[in-house]
C-alpha atoms as a PDB file:
ATOM      1  CA  UNK A   1      -2.839  -5.964   2.244  1.00  0.00           C
ATOM      2  CA  UNK A   2      -5.467  -5.391  -0.382  1.00  0.00           C
ATOM      3  CA  UNK A   3      -5.308  -6.958  -3.850  1.00  0.00           C
ATOM      4  CA  UNK A   4      -4.833  -3.473  -5.330  1.00  0.00           C
ATOM      5  CA  UNK A   5      -1.763  -2.850  -3.204  1.00  0.00           C
ATOM      6  CA  UNK A   6      -0.397  -6.297  -4.034  1.00  0.00           C
ATOM      7  CA  UNK A   7      -0.813  -5.581  -7.749  1.00  0.00           C
ATOM      8  CA  UNK A   8       0.949  -2.235  -7.384  1.00  0.00           C
ATOM      9  CA  UNK A   9       3.859  -3.863  -5.564  1.00  0.00           C
ATOM     10  CA  UNK A  10       4.144  -6.607  -8.164  1.00  0.00           C
ATOM     11  CA  UNK A  11       4.172  -4.004 -10.923  1.00  0.00           C
ATOM     12  CA  UNK A  12       6.781  -1.970  -9.032  1.00  0.00           C
ATOM     13  CA  UNK A  13       9.052  -5.011  -8.881  1.00  0.00           C
ATOM     14  CA  UNK A  14       8.962  -5.336 -12.679  1.00  0.00           C
ATOM     15  CA  UNK A  15      10.168  -1.771 -13.233  1.00  0.00           C
ATOM     16  CA  UNK A  16      13.783  -1.011 -14.094  1.00  0.00           C
ATOM     17  CA  UNK A  17      15.787   0.317 -11.109  1.00  0.00           C
ATOM     18  CA  UNK A  18      15.742   3.933 -12.345  1.00  0.00           C
ATOM     19  CA  UNK A  19      11.956   3.887 -12.607  1.00  0.00           C
ATOM     20  CA  UNK A  20      11.697   2.296  -9.143  1.00  0.00           C
ATOM     21  CA  UNK A  21      13.760   5.141  -7.654  1.00  0.00           C
ATOM     22  CA  UNK A  22      11.692   7.743  -9.488  1.00  0.00           C
ATOM     23  CA  UNK A  23       8.470   6.212  -8.199  1.00  0.00           C
ATOM     24  CA  UNK A  24       9.768   5.990  -4.627  1.00  0.00           C
ATOM     25  CA  UNK A  25      10.912   9.617  -4.650  1.00  0.00           C
ATOM     26  CA  UNK A  26       7.577  10.772  -6.070  1.00  0.00           C
ATOM     27  CA  UNK A  27       5.562   8.800  -3.509  1.00  0.00           C
ATOM     28  CA  UNK A  28       7.648  10.152  -0.643  1.00  0.00           C
ATOM     29  CA  UNK A  29       7.195  13.719  -1.858  1.00  0.00           C
ATOM     30  CA  UNK A  30       3.442  13.242  -2.102  1.00  0.00           C
ATOM     31  CA  UNK A  31       3.180  11.795   1.409  1.00  0.00           C
ATOM     32  CA  UNK A  32       5.116  14.587   3.133  1.00  0.00           C
ATOM     33  CA  UNK A  33       1.994  16.668   3.629  1.00  0.00           C
ATOM     34  CA  UNK A  34      -0.391  13.882   4.620  1.00  0.00           C
ATOM     35  CA  UNK A  35      -1.493  13.856   8.233  1.00  0.00           C
ATOM     36  CA  UNK A  36      -0.742  10.299   9.341  1.00  0.00           C
ATOM     37  CA  UNK A  37      -1.040   9.361  13.009  1.00  0.00           C
ATOM     38  CA  UNK A  38       2.232   8.213  14.593  1.00  0.00           C
ATOM     39  CA  UNK A  39       2.973   4.497  14.431  1.00  0.00           C
ATOM     40  CA  UNK A  40       2.243   2.492  17.546  1.00  0.00           C
ATOM     41  CA  UNK A  41       4.924   0.444  19.276  1.00  0.00           C
ATOM     42  CA  UNK A  42       3.216  -2.723  18.003  1.00  0.00           C
ATOM     43  CA  UNK A  43       3.292  -1.468  14.402  1.00  0.00           C
ATOM     44  CA  UNK A  44       6.968  -0.525  14.695  1.00  0.00           C
ATOM     45  CA  UNK A  45       7.815  -3.894  16.241  1.00  0.00           C
ATOM     46  CA  UNK A  46       5.928  -5.784  13.535  1.00  0.00           C
ATOM     47  CA  UNK A  47       7.657  -3.781  10.796  1.00  0.00           C
ATOM     48  CA  UNK A  48      11.071  -4.359  12.367  1.00  0.00           C
ATOM     49  CA  UNK A  49      10.373  -8.102  12.631  1.00  0.00           C
ATOM     50  CA  UNK A  50       9.388  -8.230   8.951  1.00  0.00           C
ATOM     51  CA  UNK A  51      12.498  -6.311   7.953  1.00  0.00           C
ATOM     52  CA  UNK A  52      14.851  -8.541   9.926  1.00  0.00           C
ATOM     53  CA  UNK A  53      13.193 -11.666   8.481  1.00  0.00           C
ATOM     54  CA  UNK A  54      13.741 -10.248   5.008  1.00  0.00           C
ATOM     55  CA  UNK A  55      17.412  -9.555   5.804  1.00  0.00           C
ATOM     56  CA  UNK A  56      17.843 -13.101   7.140  1.00  0.00           C
ATOM     57  CA  UNK A  57      16.272 -14.567   4.000  1.00  0.00           C
ATOM     58  CA  UNK A  58      18.487 -12.486   1.705  1.00  0.00           C
ATOM     59  CA  UNK A  59      21.579 -13.348   3.736  1.00  0.00           C
ATOM     60  CA  UNK A  60      20.960 -17.088   3.338  1.00  0.00           C
ATOM     61  CA  UNK A  61      20.396 -16.933  -0.424  1.00  0.00           C
END
């Protein structure tokens, strides 16, 4: 992850929930028409692993 993306994510986390939802909706709308290649099995597996680790961490807090 680049420093620019990290900064954007950190800024996102400081936004109030309503602004976070607005930003998410806007980003999703803007990405609908982009031509991304499909995710590979490895990318999907890595993302799923990260997500489950996050869930485990939140569950134990």
